[in-house]
Amino acid sequence: MTLSISERMSRVRGINTGPELEIRKLLSSYGVRYRLQRKDLPGKPDLYVPRLRLAIFVNGCFWHGHEDCPRAALPKTNTTFWANKISQNVARDRRVEGDLRSLGFDFILVWTCDAKNFPRICERIARRWMRRAPH
């Protein structure tokens, strides 16, 4: 049975994705404490590190329109629909970034195509977390 593009896309997970679980595992290995899916913050970040006031978004390249990434290529069918959908997501992401900045939060965008750099990204976060340890 062949699924339509729309049916395949509807099966894509929004939370607890493989890349998100990998980031969580790495941060935990460094002892970084975080919260998941903070609904009270703009954009409902995938992870939130309270000590750093840091929102972390693990973005899928296709869904968030990662520029110059082959994974962000639009399907060959229903292109107008998908182009509009992705451009709306990109605009929403920019609004969320501005809202977080105006509230004094820092944020990091982690792209799923950058999986080989997840350890380095998490190590940098862990170093910041250790410097901000309560005295």
C-alpha atoms as a PDB file:
ATOM      1  CA  MET A   1       0.000   0.000   0.000  1.00  0.00           C
ATOM      2  CA  THR A   2       1.417   3.350  -1.042  1.00  0.00           C
ATOM      3  CA  LEU A   3       0.670   6.334   1.168  1.00  0.00           C
ATOM      4  CA  SER A   4       0.078   9.802  -0.189  1.00  0.00           C
ATOM      5  CA  ILE A   5       2.510  12.548   0.761  1.00  0.00           C
ATOM      6  CA  SER A   6      -0.130  14.056   3.022  1.00  0.00           C
ATOM      7  CA  GLU A   7      -0.655  10.738   4.829  1.00  0.00           C
ATOM      8  CA  ARG A   8       3.094  10.262   5.272  1.00  0.00           C
ATOM      9  CA  MET A   9       3.546  13.821   6.553  1.00  0.00           C
ATOM     10  CA  SER A  10       0.699  13.394   9.057  1.00  0.00           C
ATOM     11  CA  ARG A  11       2.588  10.489  10.632  1.00  0.00           C
ATOM     12  CA  VAL A  12       5.651  12.604  11.418  1.00  0.00           C
ATOM     13  CA  ARG A  13       6.034  13.015  15.167  1.00  0.00           C
ATOM     14  CA  GLY A  14       5.918  16.464  16.680  1.00  0.00           C
ATOM     15  CA  ILE A  15       7.454  15.560  20.030  1.00  0.00           C
ATOM     16  CA  ASN A  16       9.858  12.896  21.258  1.00  0.00           C
ATOM     17  CA  THR A  17      11.539  12.664  17.874  1.00  0.00           C
ATOM     18  CA  GLY A  18      14.804  10.771  17.493  1.00  0.00           C
ATOM     19  CA  PRO A  19      16.935  13.947  17.314  1.00  0.00           C
ATOM     20  CA  GLU A  20      15.121  15.431  20.319  1.00  0.00           C
ATOM     21  CA  LEU A  21      15.692  12.259  22.350  1.00  0.00           C
ATOM     22  CA  GLU A  22      19.389  12.322  21.396  1.00  0.00           C
ATOM     23  CA  ILE A  23      19.747  15.936  22.610  1.00  0.00           C
ATOM     24  CA  ARG A  24      17.973  15.031  25.866  1.00  0.00           C
ATOM     25  CA  LYS A  25      20.236  12.019  26.400  1.00  0.00           C
ATOM     26  CA  LEU A  26      23.377  14.093  25.811  1.00  0.00           C
ATOM     27  CA  LEU A  27      22.292  16.941  28.086  1.00  0.00           C
ATOM     28  CA  SER A  28      21.379  14.463  30.826  1.00  0.00           C
ATOM     29  CA  SER A  29      24.793  12.813  30.522  1.00  0.00           C
ATOM     30  CA  TYR A  30      26.336  16.204  31.367  1.00  0.00           C
ATOM     31  CA  GLY A  31      23.986  16.654  34.311  1.00  0.00           C
ATOM     32  CA  VAL A  32      22.103  19.539  32.682  1.00  0.00           C
ATOM     33  CA  ARG A  33      18.604  19.861  34.125  1.00  0.00           C
ATOM     34  CA  TYR A  34      15.875  20.805  31.688  1.00  0.00           C
ATOM     35  CA  ARG A  35      12.109  20.829  31.300  1.00  0.00           C
ATOM     36  CA  LEU A  36      10.101  19.592  28.324  1.00  0.00           C
ATOM     37  CA  GLN A  37       7.484  21.381  26.219  1.00  0.00           C
ATOM     38  CA  ARG A  38       7.029  24.505  28.366  1.00  0.00           C
ATOM     39  CA  LYS A  39       3.576  25.584  27.231  1.00  0.00           C
ATOM     40  CA  ASP A  40       3.892  28.891  29.086  1.00  0.00           C
ATOM     41  CA  LEU A  41       6.822  30.022  26.896  1.00  0.00           C
ATOM     42  CA  PRO A  42       6.501  31.369  23.351  1.00  0.00           C
ATOM     43  CA  GLY A  43       6.770  28.570  20.804  1.00  0.00           C
ATOM     44  CA  LYS A  44       6.573  25.825  23.443  1.00  0.00           C
ATOM     45  CA  PRO A  45      10.298  24.935  23.218  1.00  0.00           C
ATOM     46  CA  ASP A  46      11.239  21.261  22.973  1.00  0.00           C
ATOM     47  CA  LEU A  47      13.535  21.728  25.975  1.00  0.00           C
ATOM     48  CA  TYR A  48      13.989  24.554  28.446  1.00  0.00           C
ATOM     49  CA  VAL A  49      17.015  24.978  30.737  1.00  0.00           C
ATOM     50  CA  PRO A  50      15.750  27.166  33.623  1.00  0.00           C
ATOM     51  CA  ARG A  51      19.184  27.995  35.065  1.00  0.00           C
ATOM     52  CA  LEU A  52      20.206  29.541  31.733  1.00  0.00           C
ATOM     53  CA  ARG A  53      16.770  30.854  30.703  1.00  0.00           C
ATOM     54  CA  LEU A  54      17.520  28.909  27.531  1.00  0.00           C
ATOM     55  CA  ALA A  55      14.868  27.577  25.161  1.00  0.00           C
ATOM     56  CA  ILE A  56      16.021  24.815  22.835  1.00  0.00           C
ATOM     57  CA  PHE A  57      14.164  24.027  19.636  1.00  0.00           C
ATOM     58  CA  VAL A  58      15.026  20.833  17.743  1.00  0.00           C
ATOM     59  CA  ASN A  59      13.797  21.735  14.270  1.00  0.00           C
ATOM     60  CA  GLY A  60      13.083  19.396  11.397  1.00  0.00           C
ATOM     61  CA  CYS A  61      14.669  20.829   8.276  1.00  0.00           C
ATOM     62  CA  PHE A  62      11.620  20.253   6.064  1.00  0.00           C
ATOM     63  CA  TRP A  63       8.977  21.593   8.465  1.00  0.00           C
ATOM     64  CA  HIS A  64      10.949  24.698   9.447  1.00  0.00           C
ATOM     65  CA  GLY A  65      12.373  25.589   6.030  1.00  0.00           C
ATOM     66  CA  HIS A  66      16.079  25.160   6.789  1.00  0.00           C
ATOM     67  CA  GLU A  67      17.807  27.297   4.159  1.00  0.00           C
ATOM     68  CA  ASP A  68      20.192  25.565   1.752  1.00  0.00           C
ATOM     69  CA  CYS A  69      19.443  22.149   3.242  1.00  0.00           C
ATOM     70  CA  PRO A  70      18.577  19.282   0.884  1.00  0.00           C
ATOM     71  CA  ARG A  71      16.185  17.904   3.511  1.00  0.00           C
ATOM     72  CA  ALA A  72      14.071  21.044   3.152  1.00  0.00           C
ATOM     73  CA  ALA A  73      13.213  20.393  -0.509  1.00  0.00           C
ATOM     74  CA  LEU A  74       9.515  20.756  -1.259  1.00  0.00           C
ATOM     75  CA  PRO A  75       7.562  17.764  -2.592  1.00  0.00           C
ATOM     76  CA  LYS A  76       7.007  17.770  -6.330  1.00  0.00           C
ATOM     77  CA  THR A  77       3.230  17.553  -5.905  1.00  0.00           C
ATOM     78  CA  ASN A  78       1.011  20.164  -4.283  1.00  0.00           C
ATOM     79  CA  THR A  79       4.009  22.481  -4.186  1.00  0.00           C
ATOM     80  CA  THR A  80       1.981  25.641  -3.573  1.00  0.00           C
ATOM     81  CA  PHE A  81       0.354  24.149  -0.490  1.00  0.00           C
ATOM     82  CA  TRP A  82       3.681  23.015   0.978  1.00  0.00           C
ATOM     83  CA  ALA A  83       5.448  26.295   0.138  1.00  0.00           C
ATOM     84  CA  ASN A  84       2.710  28.238   1.961  1.00  0.00           C
ATOM     85  CA  LYS A  85       2.760  25.848   4.910  1.00  0.00           C
ATOM     86  CA  ILE A  86       6.529  26.071   5.322  1.00  0.00           C
ATOM     87  CA  SER A  87       6.626  29.873   4.882  1.00  0.00           C
ATOM     88  CA  GLN A  88       3.973  30.207   7.614  1.00  0.00           C
ATOM     89  CA  ASN A  89       6.086  27.996   9.893  1.00  0.00           C
ATOM     90  CA  VAL A  90       9.187  30.113   9.199  1.00  0.00           C
ATOM     91  CA  ALA A  91       7.256  33.329   9.937  1.00  0.00           C
ATOM     92  CA  ARG A  92       5.908  31.832  13.182  1.00  0.00           C
ATOM     93  CA  ASP A  93       9.439  30.753  14.190  1.00  0.00           C
ATOM     94  CA  ARG A  94      10.705  34.315  13.669  1.00  0.00           C
ATOM     95  CA  ARG A  95       7.857  35.725  15.787  1.00  0.00           C
ATOM     96  CA  VAL A  96       8.643  33.224  18.548  1.00  0.00           C
ATOM     97  CA  GLU A  97      12.339  34.178  18.480  1.00  0.00           C
ATOM     98  CA  GLY A  98      11.415  37.856  18.846  1.00  0.00           C
ATOM     99  CA  ASP A  99       8.981  37.105  21.667  1.00  0.00           C
ATOM    100  CA  LEU A 100      11.596  35.089  23.551  1.00  0.00           C
ATOM    101  CA  ARG A 101      14.202  37.838  23.146  1.00  0.00           C
ATOM    102  CA  SER A 102      11.785  40.522  24.347  1.00  0.00           C
ATOM    103  CA  LEU A 103      11.059  38.431  27.463  1.00  0.00           C
ATOM    104  CA  GLY A 104      14.792  38.062  28.191  1.00  0.00           C
ATOM    105  CA  PHE A 105      15.167  34.426  27.160  1.00  0.00           C
ATOM    106  CA  ASP A 106      17.994  32.970  25.125  1.00  0.00           C
ATOM    107  CA  PHE A 107      17.299  30.293  22.544  1.00  0.00           C
ATOM    108  CA  ILE A 108      19.107  27.778  20.386  1.00  0.00           C
ATOM    109  CA  LEU A 109      17.881  26.249  17.145  1.00  0.00           C
ATOM    110  CA  VAL A 110      19.205  22.739  16.608  1.00  0.00           C
ATOM    111  CA  TRP A 111      18.643  21.444  13.085  1.00  0.00           C
ATOM    112  CA  THR A 112      18.077  17.718  12.629  1.00  0.00           C
ATOM    113  CA  CYS A 113      20.549  17.634   9.719  1.00  0.00           C
ATOM    114  CA  ASP A 114      23.285  18.698  12.154  1.00  0.00           C
ATOM    115  CA  ALA A 115      23.153  15.444  14.149  1.00  0.00           C
ATOM    116  CA  LYS A 116      26.914  14.908  13.957  1.00  0.00           C
ATOM    117  CA  ASN A 117      27.358  18.144  15.936  1.00  0.00           C
ATOM    118  CA  PHE A 118      24.830  17.319  18.687  1.00  0.00           C
ATOM    119  CA  PRO A 119      27.589  16.287  21.148  1.00  0.00           C
ATOM    120  CA  ARG A 120      29.479  19.560  20.598  1.00  0.00           C
ATOM    121  CA  ILE A 121      26.298  21.632  20.913  1.00  0.00           C
ATOM    122  CA  CYS A 122      25.329  19.880  24.154  1.00  0.00           C
ATOM    123  CA  GLU A 123      28.846  20.221  25.541  1.00  0.00           C
ATOM    124  CA  ARG A 124      28.690  24.013  25.005  1.00  0.00           C
ATOM    125  CA  ILE A 125      25.337  24.157  26.781  1.00  0.00           C
ATOM    126  CA  ALA A 126      26.739  22.060  29.643  1.00  0.00           C
ATOM    127  CA  ARG A 127      29.717  24.412  30.051  1.00  0.00           C
ATOM    128  CA  ARG A 128      27.373  27.392  30.298  1.00  0.00           C
ATOM    129  CA  TRP A 129      25.213  25.457  32.768  1.00  0.00           C
ATOM    130  CA  MET A 130      28.214  24.661  35.001  1.00  0.00           C
ATOM    131  CA  ARG A 131      29.369  28.292  35.015  1.00  0.00           C
ATOM    132  CA  ARG A 132      25.922  29.338  36.225  1.00  0.00           C
ATOM    133  CA  ALA A 133      25.841  26.793  39.084  1.00  0.00           C
ATOM    134  CA  PRO A 134      24.220  28.146  42.245  1.00  0.00           C
ATOM    135  CA  HIS A 135      26.748  29.106  44.897  1.00  0.00           C
END
